[in-house]
PDB file of N, CA and C in Angstrom:
ATOM      1  N   UNK A   1       0.854  -1.168   0.000  1.00  0.00           N
ATOM      2  CA  UNK A   1       0.000   0.000   0.000  1.00  0.00           C
ATOM      3  C   UNK A   1       0.899   1.229   0.000  1.00  0.00           C
ATOM      4  N   UNK A   2       0.652   2.121  -0.891  1.00  0.00           N
ATOM      5  CA  UNK A   2       1.456   3.340  -0.935  1.00  0.00           C
ATOM      6  C   UNK A   2       0.852   4.382  -0.012  1.00  0.00           C
ATOM      7  N   UNK A   3       1.646   5.333   0.388  1.00  0.00           N
ATOM      8  CA  UNK A   3       1.194   6.361   1.312  1.00  0.00           C
ATOM      9  C   UNK A   3       0.733   7.622   0.610  1.00  0.00           C
ATOM     10  N   UNK A   4       0.334   8.575   1.409  1.00  0.00           N
ATOM     11  CA  UNK A   4      -0.093   9.881   0.916  1.00  0.00           C
ATOM     12  C   UNK A   4       1.021  10.856   1.249  1.00  0.00           C
ATOM     13  N   UNK A   5       1.418  11.641   0.291  1.00  0.00           N
ATOM     14  CA  UNK A   5       2.536  12.542   0.521  1.00  0.00           C
ATOM     15  C   UNK A   5       2.253  13.929  -0.027  1.00  0.00           C
ATOM     16  N   UNK A   6       2.992  14.894   0.471  1.00  0.00           N
ATOM     17  CA  UNK A   6       3.063  16.241  -0.081  1.00  0.00           C
ATOM     18  C   UNK A   6       1.761  16.950  -0.291  1.00  0.00           C
ATOM     19  N   UNK A   7       1.366  17.090  -1.538  1.00  0.00           N
ATOM     20  CA  UNK A   7       0.259  17.952  -1.900  1.00  0.00           C
ATOM     21  C   UNK A   7      -1.080  17.492  -1.331  1.00  0.00           C
ATOM     22  N   UNK A   8      -1.203  16.247  -0.881  1.00  0.00           N
ATOM     23  CA  UNK A   8      -2.473  15.758  -0.364  1.00  0.00           C
ATOM     24  C   UNK A   8      -2.646  16.026   1.127  1.00  0.00           C
ATOM     25  N   UNK A   9      -1.614  16.380   1.815  1.00  0.00           N
ATOM     26  CA  UNK A   9      -1.677  16.637   3.251  1.00  0.00           C
ATOM     27  C   UNK A   9      -1.632  18.143   3.518  1.00  0.00           C
ATOM     28  N   UNK A  10      -2.426  18.634   4.491  1.00  0.00           N
ATOM     29  CA  UNK A  10      -2.374  20.051   4.821  1.00  0.00           C
ATOM     30  C   UNK A  10      -0.970  20.454   5.275  1.00  0.00           C
ATOM     31  N   UNK A  11      -0.618  21.691   5.059  1.00  0.00           N
ATOM     32  CA  UNK A  11       0.694  22.183   5.463  1.00  0.00           C
ATOM     33  C   UNK A  11       0.895  21.961   6.957  1.00  0.00           C
ATOM     34  N   UNK A  12       2.025  21.417   7.328  1.00  0.00           N
ATOM     35  CA  UNK A  12       2.350  21.161   8.725  1.00  0.00           C
ATOM     36  C   UNK A  12       1.795  19.852   9.267  1.00  0.00           C
ATOM     37  N   UNK A  13       1.114  19.083   8.438  1.00  0.00           N
ATOM     38  CA  UNK A  13       0.528  17.820   8.894  1.00  0.00           C
ATOM     39  C   UNK A  13       1.595  16.734   9.000  1.00  0.00           C
ATOM     40  N   UNK A  14       1.321  15.777   9.883  1.00  0.00           N
ATOM     41  CA  UNK A  14       2.171  14.595  10.009  1.00  0.00           C
ATOM     42  C   UNK A  14       1.474  13.451   9.293  1.00  0.00           C
ATOM     43  N   UNK A  15       2.235  12.643   8.589  1.00  0.00           N
ATOM     44  CA  UNK A  15       1.680  11.488   7.888  1.00  0.00           C
ATOM     45  C   UNK A  15       2.282  10.231   8.497  1.00  0.00           C
ATOM     46  N   UNK A  16       1.420   9.376   9.044  1.00  0.00           N
ATOM     47  CA  UNK A  16       1.870   8.093   9.590  1.00  0.00           C
ATOM     48  C   UNK A  16       1.537   7.004   8.586  1.00  0.00           C
ATOM     49  N   UNK A  17       2.521   6.194   8.223  1.00  0.00           N
ATOM     50  CA  UNK A  17       2.332   5.027   7.358  1.00  0.00           C
ATOM     51  C   UNK A  17       2.750   3.783   8.129  1.00  0.00           C
ATOM     52  N   UNK A  18       1.861   2.813   8.228  1.00  0.00           N
ATOM     53  CA  UNK A  18       2.191   1.555   8.896  1.00  0.00           C
ATOM     54  C   UNK A  18       3.382   0.894   8.204  1.00  0.00           C
ATOM     55  N   UNK A  19       4.400   0.501   8.955  1.00  0.00           N
ATOM     56  CA  UNK A  19       5.512  -0.222   8.342  1.00  0.00           C
ATOM     57  C   UNK A  19       5.144  -1.664   8.023  1.00  0.00           C
ATOM     58  N   UNK A  20       4.116  -2.177   8.706  1.00  0.00           N
ATOM     59  CA  UNK A  20       3.626  -3.546   8.510  1.00  0.00           C
ATOM     60  C   UNK A  20       2.215  -3.601   9.091  1.00  0.00           C
ATOM     61  N   UNK A  21       1.542  -4.711   8.917  1.00  0.00           N
ATOM     62  CA  UNK A  21       0.208  -4.862   9.494  1.00  0.00           C
ATOM     63  C   UNK A  21       0.307  -4.803  11.018  1.00  0.00           C
ATOM     64  N   UNK A  22      -0.680  -4.186  11.644  1.00  0.00           N
ATOM     65  CA  UNK A  22      -0.687  -4.035  13.101  1.00  0.00           C
ATOM     66  C   UNK A  22      -2.115  -4.134  13.629  1.00  0.00           C
ATOM     67  N   UNK A  23      -2.242  -4.555  14.886  1.00  0.00           N
ATOM     68  CA  UNK A  23      -3.558  -4.701  15.511  1.00  0.00           C
ATOM     69  C   UNK A  23      -4.050  -3.369  16.053  1.00  0.00           C
ATOM     70  N   UNK A  24      -3.167  -2.631  16.706  1.00  0.00           N
ATOM     71  CA  UNK A  24      -3.501  -1.327  17.276  1.00  0.00           C
ATOM     72  C   UNK A  24      -2.334  -0.371  17.047  1.00  0.00           C
ATOM     73  N   UNK A  25      -2.639   0.922  17.130  1.00  0.00           N
ATOM     74  CA  UNK A  25      -1.570   1.907  16.972  1.00  0.00           C
ATOM     75  C   UNK A  25      -1.973   3.227  17.614  1.00  0.00           C
ATOM     76  N   UNK A  26      -1.097   3.743  18.460  1.00  0.00           N
ATOM     77  CA  UNK A  26      -1.234   5.113  18.943  1.00  0.00           C
ATOM     78  C   UNK A  26      -0.605   5.985  17.861  1.00  0.00           C
ATOM     79  N   UNK A  27      -1.439   6.609  17.051  1.00  0.00           N
ATOM     80  CA  UNK A  27      -0.956   7.384  15.915  1.00  0.00           C
ATOM     81  C   UNK A  27      -0.366   8.707  16.383  1.00  0.00           C
ATOM     82  N   UNK A  28      -1.016   9.340  17.371  1.00  0.00           N
ATOM     83  CA  UNK A  28      -0.523  10.632  17.870  1.00  0.00           C
ATOM     84  C   UNK A  28      -0.945  10.782  19.311  1.00  0.00           C
ATOM     85  N   UNK A  29      -0.037  11.193  20.176  1.00  0.00           N
ATOM     86  CA  UNK A  29      -0.407  11.491  21.556  1.00  0.00           C
ATOM     87  C   UNK A  29      -0.629  12.992  21.679  1.00  0.00           C
ATOM     88  N   UNK A  30      -1.481  13.371  22.607  1.00  0.00           N
ATOM     89  CA  UNK A  30      -1.820  14.777  22.790  1.00  0.00           C
ATOM     90  C   UNK A  30      -2.957  15.200  21.875  1.00  0.00           C
ATOM     91  N   UNK A  31      -3.337  16.451  21.991  1.00  0.00           N
ATOM     92  CA  UNK A  31      -4.441  16.985  21.198  1.00  0.00           C
ATOM     93  C   UNK A  31      -4.045  17.127  19.738  1.00  0.00           C
ATOM     94  N   UNK A  32      -5.024  16.998  18.857  1.00  0.00           N
ATOM     95  CA  UNK A  32      -4.749  17.155  17.438  1.00  0.00           C
ATOM     96  C   UNK A  32      -5.993  17.026  16.594  1.00  0.00           C
ATOM     97  N   UNK A  33      -5.762  16.964  15.292  1.00  0.00           N
ATOM     98  CA  UNK A  33      -6.832  16.848  14.311  1.00  0.00           C
ATOM     99  C   UNK A  33      -6.504  15.710  13.351  1.00  0.00           C
ATOM    100  N   UNK A  34      -7.505  14.904  13.026  1.00  0.00           N
ATOM    101  CA  UNK A  34      -7.356  13.870  12.008  1.00  0.00           C
ATOM    102  C   UNK A  34      -7.957  14.411  10.718  1.00  0.00           C
ATOM    103  N   UNK A  35      -7.145  14.488   9.670  1.00  0.00           N
ATOM    104  CA  UNK A  35      -7.595  15.030   8.387  1.00  0.00           C
ATOM    105  C   UNK A  35      -8.027  13.945   7.417  1.00  0.00           C
ATOM    106  N   UNK A  36      -7.398  12.789   7.450  1.00  0.00           N
ATOM    107  CA  UNK A  36      -7.726  11.718   6.531  1.00  0.00           C
ATOM    108  C   UNK A  36      -7.142  10.408   6.995  1.00  0.00           C
ATOM    109  N   UNK A  37      -7.716   9.327   6.484  1.00  0.00           N
ATOM    110  CA  UNK A  37      -7.300   8.004   6.924  1.00  0.00           C
ATOM    111  C   UNK A  37      -7.522   7.013   5.781  1.00  0.00           C
ATOM    112  N   UNK A  38      -6.517   6.218   5.501  1.00  0.00           N
ATOM    113  CA  UNK A  38      -6.638   5.111   4.556  1.00  0.00           C
ATOM    114  C   UNK A  38      -6.276   3.855   5.328  1.00  0.00           C
ATOM    115  N   UNK A  39      -7.165   2.866   5.288  1.00  0.00           N
ATOM    116  CA  UNK A  39      -6.941   1.645   6.058  1.00  0.00           C
ATOM    117  C   UNK A  39      -7.171   0.429   5.173  1.00  0.00           C
ATOM    118  N   UNK A  40      -6.298  -0.549   5.284  1.00  0.00           N
ATOM    119  CA  UNK A  40      -6.459  -1.821   4.584  1.00  0.00           C
ATOM    120  C   UNK A  40      -6.567  -2.938   5.607  1.00  0.00           C
ATOM    121  N   UNK A  41      -7.476  -3.861   5.357  1.00  0.00           N
ATOM    122  CA  UNK A  41      -7.678  -5.028   6.207  1.00  0.00           C
ATOM    123  C   UNK A  41      -6.886  -6.190   5.611  1.00  0.00           C
ATOM    124  N   UNK A  42      -5.976  -6.769   6.380  1.00  0.00           N
ATOM    125  CA  UNK A  42      -5.158  -7.888   5.910  1.00  0.00           C
ATOM    126  C   UNK A  42      -5.582  -9.214   6.518  1.00  0.00           C
ATOM    127  N   UNK A  43      -6.797  -9.263   7.046  1.00  0.00           N
ATOM    128  CA  UNK A  43      -7.336 -10.511   7.570  1.00  0.00           C
ATOM    129  C   UNK A  43      -8.396 -11.005   6.592  1.00  0.00           C
ATOM    130  N   UNK A  44      -8.609 -12.299   6.525  1.00  0.00           N
ATOM    131  CA  UNK A  44      -9.614 -12.858   5.619  1.00  0.00           C
ATOM    132  C   UNK A  44     -11.033 -12.680   6.156  1.00  0.00           C
ATOM    133  N   UNK A  45     -11.181 -12.152   7.365  1.00  0.00           N
ATOM    134  CA  UNK A  45     -12.495 -11.912   7.969  1.00  0.00           C
ATOM    135  C   UNK A  45     -12.762 -10.416   8.063  1.00  0.00           C
ATOM    136  N   UNK A  46     -14.014 -10.064   8.253  1.00  0.00           N
ATOM    137  CA  UNK A  46     -14.393  -8.663   8.426  1.00  0.00           C
ATOM    138  C   UNK A  46     -13.724  -8.106   9.683  1.00  0.00           C
ATOM    139  N   UNK A  47     -13.221  -6.892   9.597  1.00  0.00           N
ATOM    140  CA  UNK A  47     -12.683  -6.180  10.749  1.00  0.00           C
ATOM    141  C   UNK A  47     -13.341  -4.821  10.815  1.00  0.00           C
ATOM    142  N   UNK A  48     -13.434  -4.291  12.022  1.00  0.00           N
ATOM    143  CA  UNK A  48     -14.001  -2.969  12.262  1.00  0.00           C
ATOM    144  C   UNK A  48     -12.904  -2.098  12.833  1.00  0.00           C
ATOM    145  N   UNK A  49     -12.809  -0.880  12.363  1.00  0.00           N
ATOM    146  CA  UNK A  49     -11.785   0.042  12.835  1.00  0.00           C
ATOM    147  C   UNK A  49     -12.418   0.983  13.843  1.00  0.00           C
ATOM    148  N   UNK A  50     -11.834   1.041  15.024  1.00  0.00           N
ATOM    149  CA  UNK A  50     -12.283   1.943  16.076  1.00  0.00           C
ATOM    150  C   UNK A  50     -11.251   3.044  16.240  1.00  0.00           C
ATOM    151  N   UNK A  51     -11.708   4.275  16.320  1.00  0.00           N
ATOM    152  CA  UNK A  51     -10.840   5.428  16.579  1.00  0.00           C
ATOM    153  C   UNK A  51     -11.182   5.962  17.968  1.00  0.00           C
ATOM    154  N   UNK A  52     -10.194   5.987  18.843  1.00  0.00           N
ATOM    155  CA  UNK A  52     -10.402   6.440  20.218  1.00  0.00           C
ATOM    156  C   UNK A  52      -9.630   7.731  20.483  1.00  0.00           C
ATOM    157  N   UNK A  53     -10.228   8.621  21.275  1.00  0.00           N
ATOM    158  CA  UNK A  53      -9.538   9.804  21.790  1.00  0.00           C
ATOM    159  C   UNK A  53      -8.928   9.378  23.117  1.00  0.00           C
ATOM    160  N   UNK A  54      -7.813   8.658  23.022  1.00  0.00           N
ATOM    161  CA  UNK A  54      -7.223   8.013  24.179  1.00  0.00           C
ATOM    162  C   UNK A  54      -5.810   7.563  23.824  1.00  0.00           C
ATOM    163  N   UNK A  55      -5.057   7.133  24.817  1.00  0.00           N
ATOM    164  CA  UNK A  55      -3.730   6.574  24.585  1.00  0.00           C
ATOM    165  C   UNK A  55      -3.784   5.056  24.444  1.00  0.00           C
ATOM    166  N   UNK A  56      -4.987   4.481  24.688  1.00  0.00           N
ATOM    167  CA  UNK A  56      -5.228   3.040  24.547  1.00  0.00           C
ATOM    168  C   UNK A  56      -6.627   2.849  23.967  1.00  0.00           C
ATOM    169  N   UNK A  57      -7.034   1.614  23.781  1.00  0.00           N
ATOM    170  CA  UNK A  57      -8.363   1.314  23.242  1.00  0.00           C
ATOM    171  C   UNK A  57      -9.406   1.349  24.352  1.00  0.00           C
ATOM    172  N   UNK A  58      -9.628   2.528  24.913  1.00  0.00           N
ATOM    173  CA  UNK A  58     -10.606   2.695  25.986  1.00  0.00           C
ATOM    174  C   UNK A  58     -11.476   3.912  25.712  1.00  0.00           C
ATOM    175  N   UNK A  59     -12.640   3.909  26.319  1.00  0.00           N
ATOM    176  CA  UNK A  59     -13.550   5.044  26.187  1.00  0.00           C
ATOM    177  C   UNK A  59     -14.492   4.881  25.003  1.00  0.00           C
ATOM    178  N   UNK A  60     -15.153   5.975  24.677  1.00  0.00           N
ATOM    179  CA  UNK A  60     -16.109   6.002  23.573  1.00  0.00           C
ATOM    180  C   UNK A  60     -15.384   6.374  22.289  1.00  0.00           C
ATOM    181  N   UNK A  61     -15.613   5.622  21.207  1.00  0.00           N
ATOM    182  CA  UNK A  61     -14.964   5.986  19.938  1.00  0.00           C
ATOM    183  C   UNK A  61     -15.355   7.402  19.506  1.00  0.00           C
ATOM    184  N   UNK A  62     -14.464   8.083  18.786  1.00  0.00           N
ATOM    185  CA  UNK A  62     -14.734   9.464  18.369  1.00  0.00           C
ATOM    186  C   UNK A  62     -15.549   9.530  17.077  1.00  0.00           C
ATOM    187  N   UNK A  63     -15.792   8.381  16.454  1.00  0.00           N
ATOM    188  CA  UNK A  63     -16.711   8.294  15.315  1.00  0.00           C
ATOM    189  C   UNK A  63     -17.226   6.861  15.285  1.00  0.00           C
ATOM    190  N   UNK A  64     -18.292   6.589  14.536  1.00  0.00           N
ATOM    191  CA  UNK A  64     -18.781   5.200  14.498  1.00  0.00           C
ATOM    192  C   UNK A  64     -17.709   4.249  13.972  1.00  0.00           C
ATOM    193  N   UNK A  65     -17.731   2.977  14.426  1.00  0.00           N
ATOM    194  CA  UNK A  65     -16.778   1.998  13.923  1.00  0.00           C
ATOM    195  C   UNK A  65     -16.869   1.889  12.398  1.00  0.00           C
ATOM    196  N   UNK A  66     -15.730   1.700  11.752  1.00  0.00           N
ATOM    197  CA  UNK A  66     -15.648   1.641  10.298  1.00  0.00           C
ATOM    198  C   UNK A  66     -15.511   0.177   9.886  1.00  0.00           C
ATOM    199  N   UNK A  67     -16.518  -0.401   9.200  1.00  0.00           N
ATOM    200  CA  UNK A  67     -16.402  -1.800   8.800  1.00  0.00           C
ATOM    201  C   UNK A  67     -15.493  -1.969   7.587  1.00  0.00           C
ATOM    202  N   UNK A  68     -14.599  -2.941   7.652  1.00  0.00           N
ATOM    203  CA  UNK A  68     -13.740  -3.295   6.525  1.00  0.00           C
ATOM    204  C   UNK A  68     -14.039  -4.740   6.168  1.00  0.00           C
ATOM    205  N   UNK A  69     -14.953  -4.914   5.239  1.00  0.00           N
ATOM    206  CA  UNK A  69     -15.337  -6.251   4.818  1.00  0.00           C
ATOM    207  C   UNK A  69     -14.362  -6.745   3.757  1.00  0.00           C
ATOM    208  N   UNK A  70     -14.297  -8.040   3.609  1.00  0.00           N
ATOM    209  CA  UNK A  70     -13.372  -8.629   2.659  1.00  0.00           C
ATOM    210  C   UNK A  70     -14.174  -9.403   1.618  1.00  0.00           C
ATOM    211  N   UNK A  71     -13.954  -9.086   0.359  1.00  0.00           N
ATOM    212  CA  UNK A  71     -14.642  -9.777  -0.722  1.00  0.00           C
ATOM    213  C   UNK A  71     -13.710 -10.818  -1.333  1.00  0.00           C
ATOM    214  N   UNK A  72     -13.746 -12.021  -0.810  1.00  0.00           N
ATOM    215  CA  UNK A  72     -12.978 -13.119  -1.391  1.00  0.00           C
ATOM    216  C   UNK A  72     -11.580 -13.300  -0.835  1.00  0.00           C
ATOM    217  N   UNK A  73     -10.876 -12.222  -0.544  1.00  0.00           N
ATOM    218  CA  UNK A  73      -9.519 -12.357  -0.008  1.00  0.00           C
ATOM    219  C   UNK A  73      -9.170 -11.130   0.819  1.00  0.00           C
ATOM    220  N   UNK A  74      -8.129 -11.250   1.588  1.00  0.00           N
ATOM    221  CA  UNK A  74      -7.697 -10.144   2.445  1.00  0.00           C
ATOM    222  C   UNK A  74      -7.173  -8.994   1.601  1.00  0.00           C
ATOM    223  N   UNK A  75      -7.280  -7.792   2.138  1.00  0.00           N
ATOM    224  CA  UNK A  75      -6.739  -6.617   1.465  1.00  0.00           C
ATOM    225  C   UNK A  75      -7.773  -5.571   1.120  1.00  0.00           C
ATOM    226  N   UNK A  76      -8.976  -5.625   1.746  1.00  0.00           N
ATOM    227  CA  UNK A  76      -9.979  -4.601   1.467  1.00  0.00           C
ATOM    228  C   UNK A  76      -9.463  -3.256   1.941  1.00  0.00           C
ATOM    229  N   UNK A  77      -9.883  -2.216   1.281  1.00  0.00           N
ATOM    230  CA  UNK A  77      -9.340  -0.891   1.529  1.00  0.00           C
ATOM    231  C   UNK A  77     -10.457   0.109   1.771  1.00  0.00           C
ATOM    232  N   UNK A  78     -10.271   0.998   2.725  1.00  0.00           N
ATOM    233  CA  UNK A  78     -11.207   2.095   2.963  1.00  0.00           C
ATOM    234  C   UNK A  78     -10.412   3.382   3.014  1.00  0.00           C
ATOM    235  N   UNK A  79     -10.833   4.357   2.257  1.00  0.00           N
ATOM    236  CA  UNK A  79     -10.202   5.678   2.277  1.00  0.00           C
ATOM    237  C   UNK A  79     -11.219   6.659   2.822  1.00  0.00           C
ATOM    238  N   UNK A  80     -10.858   7.374   3.859  1.00  0.00           N
ATOM    239  CA  UNK A  80     -11.773   8.311   4.496  1.00  0.00           C
ATOM    240  C   UNK A  80     -11.203   9.716   4.428  1.00  0.00           C
ATOM    241  N   UNK A  81     -11.958  10.599   3.837  1.00  0.00           N
ATOM    242  CA  UNK A  81     -11.619  12.016   3.835  1.00  0.00           C
ATOM    243  C   UNK A  81     -12.758  12.705   4.566  1.00  0.00           C
ATOM    244  N   UNK A  82     -12.465  13.387   5.620  1.00  0.00           N
ATOM    245  CA  UNK A  82     -13.502  14.012   6.425  1.00  0.00           C
ATOM    246  C   UNK A  82     -13.843  15.395   5.883  1.00  0.00           C
ATOM    247  N   UNK A  83     -15.132  15.800   5.923  1.00  0.00           N
ATOM    248  CA  UNK A  83     -15.501  17.134   5.463  1.00  0.00           C
ATOM    249  C   UNK A  83     -14.999  18.219   6.420  1.00  0.00           C
ATOM    250  N   UNK A  84     -14.529  17.795   7.568  1.00  0.00           N
ATOM    251  CA  UNK A  84     -13.963  18.683   8.578  1.00  0.00           C
ATOM    252  C   UNK A  84     -12.924  17.868   9.340  1.00  0.00           C
ATOM    253  N   UNK A  85     -12.075  18.543  10.078  1.00  0.00           N
ATOM    254  CA  UNK A  85     -11.075  17.815  10.879  1.00  0.00           C
ATOM    255  C   UNK A  85     -11.783  17.131  12.041  1.00  0.00           C
ATOM    256  N   UNK A  86     -11.362  15.925  12.337  1.00  0.00           N
ATOM    257  CA  UNK A  86     -11.892  15.177  13.471  1.00  0.00           C
ATOM    258  C   UNK A  86     -10.976  15.459  14.656  1.00  0.00           C
ATOM    259  N   UNK A  87     -11.508  16.130  15.681  1.00  0.00           N
ATOM    260  CA  UNK A  87     -10.692  16.554  16.827  1.00  0.00           C
ATOM    261  C   UNK A  87     -10.515  15.434  17.838  1.00  0.00           C
ATOM    262  N   UNK A  88      -9.340  15.414  18.459  1.00  0.00           N
ATOM    263  CA  UNK A  88      -9.091  14.545  19.597  1.00  0.00           C
ATOM    264  C   UNK A  88      -8.245  15.323  20.597  1.00  0.00           C
ATOM    265  N   UNK A  89      -8.412  15.037  21.886  1.00  0.00           N
ATOM    266  CA  UNK A  89      -7.741  15.784  22.953  1.00  0.00           C
ATOM    267  C   UNK A  89      -6.583  15.023  23.590  1.00  0.00           C
ATOM    268  N   UNK A  90      -6.778  13.743  23.880  1.00  0.00           N
ATOM    269  CA  UNK A  90      -5.785  12.949  24.607  1.00  0.00           C
ATOM    270  C   UNK A  90      -4.791  12.289  23.670  1.00  0.00           C
ATOM    271  N   UNK A  91      -5.281  11.797  22.557  1.00  0.00           N
ATOM    272  CA  UNK A  91      -4.450  11.106  21.572  1.00  0.00           C
ATOM    273  C   UNK A  91      -5.340  10.421  20.566  1.00  0.00           C
ATOM    274  N   UNK A  92      -4.769  10.001  19.457  1.00  0.00           N
ATOM    275  CA  UNK A  92      -5.522   9.254  18.448  1.00  0.00           C
ATOM    276  C   UNK A  92      -5.041   7.812  18.470  1.00  0.00           C
ATOM    277  N   UNK A  93      -5.905   6.910  18.915  1.00  0.00           N
ATOM    278  CA  UNK A  93      -5.587   5.492  19.010  1.00  0.00           C
ATOM    279  C   UNK A  93      -6.486   4.740  18.029  1.00  0.00           C
ATOM    280  N   UNK A  94      -5.891   3.965  17.140  1.00  0.00           N
ATOM    281  CA  UNK A  94      -6.614   3.205  16.126  1.00  0.00           C
ATOM    282  C   UNK A  94      -6.513   1.728  16.486  1.00  0.00           C
ATOM    283  N   UNK A  95      -7.653   1.020  16.449  1.00  0.00           N
ATOM    284  CA  UNK A  95      -7.658  -0.390  16.844  1.00  0.00           C
ATOM    285  C   UNK A  95      -8.555  -1.216  15.934  1.00  0.00           C
ATOM    286  N   UNK A  96      -8.122  -2.444  15.632  1.00  0.00           N
ATOM    287  CA  UNK A  96      -8.924  -3.405  14.867  1.00  0.00           C
ATOM    288  C   UNK A  96      -9.790  -4.200  15.833  1.00  0.00           C
ATOM    289  N   UNK A  97     -11.049  -4.374  15.452  1.00  0.00           N
ATOM    290  CA  UNK A  97     -12.000  -5.116  16.271  1.00  0.00           C
ATOM    291  C   UNK A  97     -12.652  -6.207  15.442  1.00  0.00           C
ATOM    292  N   UNK A  98     -12.999  -7.313  16.094  1.00  0.00           N
ATOM    293  CA  UNK A  98     -13.698  -8.393  15.403  1.00  0.00           C
ATOM    294  C   UNK A  98     -15.208  -8.177  15.411  1.00  0.00           C
ATOM    295  N   UNK A  99     -15.692  -7.219  16.199  1.00  0.00           N
ATOM    296  CA  UNK A  99     -17.122  -6.914  16.258  1.00  0.00           C
ATOM    297  C   UNK A  99     -17.340  -5.422  16.038  1.00  0.00           C
ATOM    298  N   UNK A 100     -18.521  -5.074  15.559  1.00  0.00           N
ATOM    299  CA  UNK A 100     -18.806  -3.683  15.243  1.00  0.00           C
ATOM    300  C   UNK A 100     -19.554  -2.921  16.312  1.00  0.00           C
ATOM    301  N   UNK A 101     -20.250  -3.607  17.205  1.00  0.00           N
ATOM    302  CA  UNK A 101     -21.047  -2.910  18.217  1.00  0.00           C
ATOM    303  C   UNK A 101     -20.223  -2.424  19.395  1.00  0.00           C
ATOM    304  N   UNK A 102     -19.250  -3.221  19.792  1.00  0.00           N
ATOM    305  CA  UNK A 102     -18.400  -2.907  20.929  1.00  0.00           C
ATOM    306  C   UNK A 102     -16.987  -3.366  20.575  1.00  0.00           C
ATOM    307  N   UNK A 103     -15.980  -2.664  21.064  1.00  0.00           N
ATOM    308  CA  UNK A 103     -14.606  -3.007  20.730  1.00  0.00           C
ATOM    309  C   UNK A 103     -14.235  -4.373  21.297  1.00  0.00           C
ATOM    310  N   UNK A 104     -13.837  -5.277  20.410  1.00  0.00           N
ATOM    311  CA  UNK A 104     -13.339  -6.603  20.774  1.00  0.00           C
ATOM    312  C   UNK A 104     -12.001  -6.767  20.069  1.00  0.00           C
ATOM    313  N   UNK A 105     -10.934  -6.775  20.837  1.00  0.00           N
ATOM    314  CA  UNK A 105      -9.583  -6.809  20.259  1.00  0.00           C
ATOM    315  C   UNK A 105      -9.415  -7.963  19.286  1.00  0.00           C
ATOM    316  N   UNK A 106      -8.807  -7.659  18.176  1.00  0.00           N
ATOM    317  CA  UNK A 106      -8.454  -8.671  17.187  1.00  0.00           C
ATOM    318  C   UNK A 106      -7.241  -9.433  17.710  1.00  0.00           C
ATOM    319  N   UNK A 107      -7.140 -10.688  17.355  1.00  0.00           N
ATOM    320  CA  UNK A 107      -6.038 -11.512  17.876  1.00  0.00           C
ATOM    321  C   UNK A 107      -4.739 -11.339  17.103  1.00  0.00           C
ATOM    322  N   UNK A 108      -4.784 -10.655  15.975  1.00  0.00           N
ATOM    323  CA  UNK A 108      -3.568 -10.551  15.177  1.00  0.00           C
ATOM    324  C   UNK A 108      -3.404  -9.190  14.534  1.00  0.00           C
ATOM    325  N   UNK A 109      -2.340  -9.043  13.815  1.00  0.00           N
ATOM    326  CA  UNK A 109      -2.037  -7.802  13.104  1.00  0.00           C
ATOM    327  C   UNK A 109      -2.837  -7.788  11.811  1.00  0.00           C
ATOM    328  N   UNK A 110      -3.909  -6.993  11.774  1.00  0.00           N
ATOM    329  CA  UNK A 110      -4.845  -7.025  10.660  1.00  0.00           C
ATOM    330  C   UNK A 110      -4.830  -5.785   9.778  1.00  0.00           C
ATOM    331  N   UNK A 111      -4.368  -4.650  10.302  1.00  0.00           N
ATOM    332  CA  UNK A 111      -4.525  -3.381   9.590  1.00  0.00           C
ATOM    333  C   UNK A 111      -3.211  -2.758   9.166  1.00  0.00           C
ATOM    334  N   UNK A 112      -3.249  -2.109   8.016  1.00  0.00           N
ATOM    335  CA  UNK A 112      -2.191  -1.169   7.624  1.00  0.00           C
ATOM    336  C   UNK A 112      -2.885   0.135   7.350  1.00  0.00           C
ATOM    337  N   UNK A 113      -2.231   1.241   7.673  1.00  0.00           N
ATOM    338  CA  UNK A 113      -2.916   2.512   7.519  1.00  0.00           C
ATOM    339  C   UNK A 113      -1.980   3.651   7.153  1.00  0.00           C
ATOM    340  N   UNK A 114      -2.578   4.668   6.607  1.00  0.00           N
ATOM    341  CA  UNK A 114      -1.963   5.965   6.437  1.00  0.00           C
ATOM    342  C   UNK A 114      -2.891   6.946   7.130  1.00  0.00           C
ATOM    343  N   UNK A 115      -2.391   7.683   8.094  1.00  0.00           N
ATOM    344  CA  UNK A 115      -3.181   8.653   8.831  1.00  0.00           C
ATOM    345  C   UNK A 115      -2.540  10.026   8.697  1.00  0.00           C
ATOM    346  N   UNK A 116      -3.366  11.019   8.421  1.00  0.00           N
ATOM    347  CA  UNK A 116      -2.879  12.399   8.300  1.00  0.00           C
ATOM    348  C   UNK A 116      -3.414  13.172   9.489  1.00  0.00           C
ATOM    349  N   UNK A 117      -2.495  13.644  10.360  1.00  0.00           N
ATOM    350  CA  UNK A 117      -2.891  14.369  11.571  1.00  0.00           C
ATOM    351  C   UNK A 117      -2.140  15.695  11.651  1.00  0.00           C
ATOM    352  N   UNK A 118      -2.661  16.530  12.472  1.00  0.00           N
ATOM    353  CA  UNK A 118      -2.001  17.811  12.718  1.00  0.00           C
ATOM    354  C   UNK A 118      -2.159  18.190  14.166  1.00  0.00           C
TER     355      UNK A 118
END
């Protein structure tokens, strides 16, 4: 999966690219804004992406869980561009879940992502 660079990110933004598939990731600690997110599911089963305003996978997600279904094989992709910046105060924590209603930790490294924060 290629990343997003230069002209696609707001000036002064940080771009995080997963070096490999991961189950969870603290993308940014402290207050900030999420401008965009590209996520790929590398599991053969459906995964849900939870975004938390936290340093861990705790609390209420800052947006509804994002389903990443797989059609035939692993590698489904979701690209999210928000019409406004998504604010977080404590940190931006991204986690893969096996269920969509409540966060249930995935047992393996399922996600790769590119996150644009400021």
